[in-house]
Structure formats: structure tokens, C-alpha cells
Protein backbone atom coordinates (compact mmCIF):
# COMPACT_ATOMS: atom_id res chain seq x y z
CA MET A 1 69.33 -20.71 39.49
CA TYR A 2 70.41 -22.90 36.58
CA GLU A 3 72.82 -24.94 39.31
CA LEU A 4 69.85 -25.08 41.62
CA PHE A 5 67.44 -26.42 38.75
CA ILE A 6 70.18 -29.65 37.53
CA SER A 7 70.92 -30.43 41.18
CA THR A 8 66.84 -30.38 41.95
CA PHE A 9 66.15 -32.48 38.93
CA VAL A 10 68.51 -34.97 39.68
CA THR A 11 67.97 -35.33 43.33
CA PHE A 12 64.02 -35.99 42.27
CA PHE A 13 64.96 -38.01 39.51
CA VAL A 14 66.75 -40.27 41.76
CA VAL A 15 64.49 -40.00 44.68
CA ILE A 16 61.57 -40.95 42.50
CA ASP A 17 63.29 -43.25 40.32
CA PRO A 18 61.22 -44.06 37.15
CA LEU A 19 63.66 -46.73 36.09
CA GLY A 20 62.78 -48.84 39.03
CA ILE A 21 59.46 -48.40 39.39
CA ALA A 22 58.69 -48.68 35.69
CA PRO A 23 59.00 -52.43 35.28
CA VAL A 24 57.18 -52.71 38.78
CA PHE A 25 54.42 -50.80 36.85
CA ALA A 26 54.28 -52.62 33.54
CA VAL A 27 54.31 -56.17 35.03
CA MET A 28 51.27 -54.94 37.62
CA THR A 29 49.63 -53.96 34.43
CA ASP A 30 50.36 -56.79 32.15
CA GLY A 31 47.16 -58.13 29.97
CA ALA A 32 45.66 -54.36 30.49
CA SER A 33 44.62 -52.14 27.26
CA SER A 34 46.51 -49.52 26.50
CA ALA A 35 44.07 -47.15 27.38
CA PHE A 36 43.68 -48.49 31.06
CA LYS A 37 47.63 -48.26 31.15
CA ARG A 38 47.73 -44.51 30.21
CA LYS A 39 45.05 -43.67 32.85
CA MET A 40 47.06 -45.12 35.44
CA ILE A 41 50.62 -43.57 34.53
CA LEU A 42 48.54 -40.20 34.20
CA LYS A 43 46.01 -40.53 36.91
CA SER A 44 49.29 -41.48 39.58
CA VAL A 45 51.31 -38.81 38.05
CA ILE A 46 48.75 -35.93 38.56
CA THR A 47 48.04 -37.33 41.83
CA GLY A 48 51.81 -37.48 43.00
CA THR A 49 52.02 -34.07 41.91
CA ILE A 50 49.37 -32.58 43.71
CA ILE A 51 50.62 -34.49 46.80
CA LEU A 52 53.83 -33.09 46.45
CA LEU A 53 52.99 -29.66 45.89
CA LEU A 54 50.59 -29.88 48.62
CA PHE A 55 53.53 -30.84 51.11
CA ALA A 56 56.08 -28.49 49.37
CA PHE A 57 53.54 -25.65 50.72
CA VAL A 58 52.02 -26.93 53.68
CA GLY A 59 53.69 -29.81 54.54
CA ASN A 60 55.56 -28.99 57.84
CA GLY A 61 52.42 -27.68 59.34
CA LEU A 62 50.28 -30.29 58.65
CA LEU A 63 52.32 -33.37 59.47
CA LYS A 64 53.08 -31.60 62.87
CA ALA A 65 49.08 -30.30 63.28
CA LEU A 66 48.35 -34.25 63.01
CA GLY A 67 51.16 -35.39 65.44
CA ILE A 68 53.05 -37.62 62.61
CA SER A 69 56.65 -37.55 62.38
CA MET A 70 58.46 -38.48 58.93
CA MET A 71 59.79 -41.87 60.02
CA ALA A 72 56.26 -43.12 61.02
CA PHE A 73 55.48 -42.17 57.51
CA LYS A 74 58.04 -44.27 56.10
CA THR A 75 57.04 -47.30 58.35
CA ALA A 76 53.54 -47.30 57.57
CA GLY A 77 54.34 -46.90 53.51
CA GLY A 78 57.04 -49.99 54.12
CA ILE A 79 54.09 -51.87 55.64
CA LEU A 80 51.95 -51.25 53.19
CA LEU A 81 54.80 -52.28 50.29
CA PHE A 82 56.02 -55.13 51.65
CA MET A 83 52.04 -56.50 51.49
CA ILE A 84 52.17 -55.74 47.55
CA ALA A 85 55.23 -57.55 47.17
CA LEU A 86 54.03 -60.72 49.00
CA GLU A 87 50.91 -60.70 46.33
CA MET A 88 53.58 -60.38 43.55
CA VAL A 89 55.82 -62.87 44.99
CA PHE A 90 53.30 -65.69 45.17
CA GLU A 91 51.19 -64.00 42.30
CA MET A 92 48.18 -63.90 44.05
CA ARG A 93 46.82 -60.97 41.65
CA THR A 94 47.21 -63.21 38.86
CA GLU A 95 45.39 -65.70 40.87
CA ARG A 96 42.43 -63.56 41.32
CA ARG A 97 42.75 -62.56 37.84
CA GLU A 98 42.37 -66.05 36.58
CA LYS A 99 39.46 -66.59 38.84
CA LYS A 100 37.61 -63.60 37.50
CA SER A 101 38.76 -64.69 34.09
CA GLU A 102 37.20 -68.42 34.47
CA ALA A 103 34.15 -66.58 36.16
CA PHE A 104 33.45 -64.40 33.51
CA THR A 105 34.32 -67.39 30.07
CA HIS A 106 31.72 -69.54 32.19
CA GLU A 107 28.89 -67.28 32.34
CA HIS A 108 29.68 -66.17 28.77
CA GLU A 109 29.28 -69.62 27.76
CA GLN A 110 25.70 -70.00 29.65
CA GLU A 111 24.68 -66.83 28.25
CA ALA A 112 25.45 -68.61 24.60
CA GLU A 113 23.57 -71.78 25.28
CA ALA A 114 20.40 -69.58 26.62
CA GLY A 115 20.89 -68.37 23.02
CA LYS A 116 21.51 -64.72 24.65
CA THR A 117 24.92 -64.47 22.84
CA ALA A 118 26.24 -66.45 20.26
CA LYS A 119 28.65 -68.56 20.12
CA THR A 120 32.41 -67.95 19.59
CA SER A 121 35.74 -69.53 18.97
CA GLU A 122 37.45 -66.64 19.52
CA PRO A 123 38.48 -65.72 23.34
CA ALA A 124 36.65 -63.82 25.36
CA THR A 125 38.13 -60.20 26.01
CA PHE A 126 37.88 -58.65 29.73
CA PRO A 127 36.87 -55.01 30.46
CA ASP A 128 39.63 -52.97 32.32
CA GLU A 129 37.78 -53.06 35.49
CA GLU A 130 39.15 -56.79 36.11
CA PHE A 131 42.77 -55.10 36.88
CA ASP A 132 43.55 -53.56 40.11
CA ASP A 133 43.47 -49.87 39.89
CA ILE A 134 47.33 -49.20 41.11
CA SER A 135 47.41 -45.01 40.57
CA ILE A 136 46.71 -44.13 43.84
CA PHE A 137 48.20 -46.63 45.46
CA PRO A 138 51.72 -47.99 45.40
CA MET A 139 51.81 -45.87 42.00
CA ALA A 140 51.39 -42.43 43.10
CA ILE A 141 51.84 -43.35 47.22
CA PRO A 142 54.49 -44.34 47.75
CA PHE A 143 56.49 -44.68 44.31
CA ILE A 144 55.94 -41.00 43.56
CA ALA A 145 54.80 -39.43 46.46
CA GLY A 146 56.84 -41.76 48.59
CA PRO A 147 58.76 -40.15 51.83
CA GLY A 148 61.86 -39.49 49.96
CA SER A 149 60.20 -37.16 47.64
CA ILE A 150 57.94 -35.64 49.93
CA ALA A 151 60.89 -34.77 52.43
CA THR A 152 63.26 -33.89 49.53
CA ILE A 153 60.61 -31.23 48.57
CA MET A 154 59.55 -29.55 52.20
CA LEU A 155 63.24 -29.56 52.73
CA LEU A 156 64.07 -27.66 49.21
CA MET A 157 61.20 -25.38 50.05
CA SER A 158 62.36 -24.62 53.59
CA HIS A 159 65.60 -23.37 52.50
CA TYR A 160 64.08 -20.74 50.72
CA PRO A 161 61.62 -19.21 52.58
CA GLY A 162 59.85 -16.22 50.83
CA GLN A 163 62.23 -16.23 47.88
CA PHE A 164 59.55 -16.75 45.23
CA GLU A 165 61.63 -17.54 42.49
CA PHE A 166 63.98 -20.08 43.80
CA GLN A 167 60.95 -21.62 45.46
CA SER A 168 59.51 -21.55 41.74
CA VAL A 169 63.00 -23.20 39.89
CA VAL A 170 62.48 -25.86 42.59
CA ILE A 171 58.81 -26.78 41.57
CA GLY A 172 59.51 -26.16 37.79
CA ALA A 173 62.26 -29.20 38.51
CA MET A 174 60.26 -31.14 40.33
CA LEU A 175 57.39 -31.20 37.35
CA VAL A 176 60.14 -31.73 35.31
CA ALA A 177 61.17 -34.75 36.43
CA LEU A 178 57.61 -35.93 36.89
CA ILE A 179 57.21 -35.53 33.25
CA SER A 180 60.61 -37.89 32.41
CA THR A 181 58.54 -40.30 35.40
CA VAL A 182 55.50 -40.68 32.66
CA VAL A 183 57.63 -40.47 29.25
CA ILE A 184 59.67 -43.92 31.30
CA LEU A 185 56.29 -45.53 32.42
CA PHE A 186 55.07 -45.39 28.82
CA ALA A 187 58.38 -46.80 27.28
CA ALA A 188 58.61 -49.65 29.91
CA SER A 189 55.11 -50.38 29.64
CA LYS A 190 55.59 -51.32 25.66
CA ILE A 191 58.76 -53.10 26.13
CA ILE A 192 57.60 -55.66 29.15
CA GLY A 193 54.54 -56.37 26.83
CA MET A 194 56.96 -57.65 23.78
CA LEU A 195 58.83 -59.85 26.24
CA GLY A 196 55.41 -62.53 26.74
CA GLN A 197 53.69 -63.90 29.61
CA THR A 198 55.86 -66.40 30.94
CA VAL A 199 58.91 -63.56 30.94
CA ALA A 200 56.32 -61.24 32.79
CA ASN A 201 56.04 -63.49 35.29
CA ALA A 202 59.28 -64.12 36.19
CA ILE A 203 60.21 -60.68 36.30
CA THR A 204 57.22 -60.22 38.25
CA ARG A 205 58.45 -62.35 40.86
CA ILE A 206 61.78 -60.99 40.99
CA LEU A 207 60.75 -57.75 41.42
CA GLY A 208 58.43 -58.54 44.18
CA VAL A 209 61.92 -59.85 45.70
CA LEU A 210 63.46 -56.88 45.33
CA LEU A 211 59.91 -54.89 46.12
CA ALA A 212 59.88 -56.58 49.60
CA ALA A 213 63.37 -55.75 50.70
CA MET A 214 63.05 -51.82 49.14
CA ALA A 215 59.64 -52.20 51.81
CA THR A 216 61.87 -53.45 54.69
CA GLN A 217 64.28 -51.18 54.25
CA TYR A 218 61.52 -48.37 54.79
CA ILE A 219 60.39 -50.06 57.92
CA PHE A 220 64.25 -50.60 59.00
CA ASP A 221 64.76 -46.80 58.33
CA GLY A 222 61.73 -45.33 60.40
CA ILE A 223 62.36 -47.29 63.36
CA GLN A 224 65.65 -46.57 63.32
CA GLY A 225 64.88 -43.22 62.74
CA THR A 226 62.20 -42.64 65.36
CA PHE A 227 64.63 -44.53 68.10
CA PHE A 228 67.80 -42.44 66.99
CA ALA A 229 65.69 -39.51 67.54
CA ALA A 230 64.45 -40.40 70.69
CA GLY A 231 68.16 -41.19 71.66
CA GLN A 232 69.54 -37.88 70.67
CA VAL A 233 66.79 -35.77 72.62
CA SER A 234 66.97 -38.45 75.57
């Protein structure tokens, strides 16, 4: 069981890849409050955990009932990820945030001129609602509970049907990997915050390109897996 725990933990740690998704999370929440980042981290990991536990026990039956293959799931996730990557590369999210900030500042100045609020030379603070909620997508799905991690938990659980002890070890190792993800996400967010806006913008574009490549690989894998399976059947 000890060997099973270690191998399962390493597998999930590699598949989820918290060291890879942490910088993406950090730049996507750059400028948000610590409370907002903490909320996104906890919400995404909790959501991802629920999804993985769901697929651990009813995954095979659910996909079969819906007529969805894992390759189709991977392809769809790749397409959605590619859309996020385009926004990161061309800073579409930054532009939307700047427009919202300018509108907020203009409204604040108008209220100050009308005497509703006091004028101040300090920059206006903006609520966390100005930032996109990325906890469900892309953090929980497909970064944490993606095709790889879903397929892994379904495969491992199917190896030990009816063996509660071994299945408990698999679930426990998965939860430890998810806790490690929380710790790494918190640390990465603080590191990126100390680098400054210019460096953060550069990292955002670089990670956007890498994310686009990852998304393209998801799409290619999904299409290749579908045609390969079809070829094997024929």
C-alpha cells in the first residue's frame, strides 16, 4: 500500500502539474486582492476534488450513459483552453480590465464634482468583481480535473474493484496531491506579485504561447485518439 500511495501521488502530481499551472494562475489574478486569490485557489481545488471524486466512483458509467468519449472530452477542453491562450497572448483580459477601470474612475470623478463623494488624489480602488472568476474554468476544469487526471483516477480505481483498502489509498494520495497544489498556488501568487507589472505582462504572453501549445496538443491527442480507436475497430 505504501508503494501504491507513492506511485499514485507522483502520478497525480505530474498529471495535474501544479508547478506548471501556478504561474498561469498568478498572472491571471495579477492585481487582485489576496482574499480574491485565496477564494479562487480554494474554490478551484475544492471543485476539482469533487469532480475527480465523482469520476472516481461513477465516471465510467456516466460517460457511457452520455455517449461521450475521453478523447472528445480532451478535444473540447483543448479548444476552450486555446481561447484562453489567445486572450493571454493579445492581452484581451488586460484591455477589458483597463476599460472597466477607466469607466469606474470617470464615474468616481463625476460623483466627486457633483459633491456626492470627496475628491482625493489617491488612486481609486476597484472591487474584486472587476476580475474574471477563473476558479471553475480554466483552474478546476481542465487544469486540475482535466482529461489526464480524470482518466488517471478512473483507471486506478478500476484496477481495484471492490477493494476498499486499496481504493482508499488511491483517494488519499490524490487528496495529498491536491493539497500540495494549494500550497504551490499560494506561493506562486506571492512570487509573481513581487516581480512587478512589466515582468508580469511579459510572463503572461509567454505563458499564453505555452498554453496555446498545450491546448493544441490536447486537440491533436483527442483527434488522434479518436481516429486511432476507429482504425483499430475497423
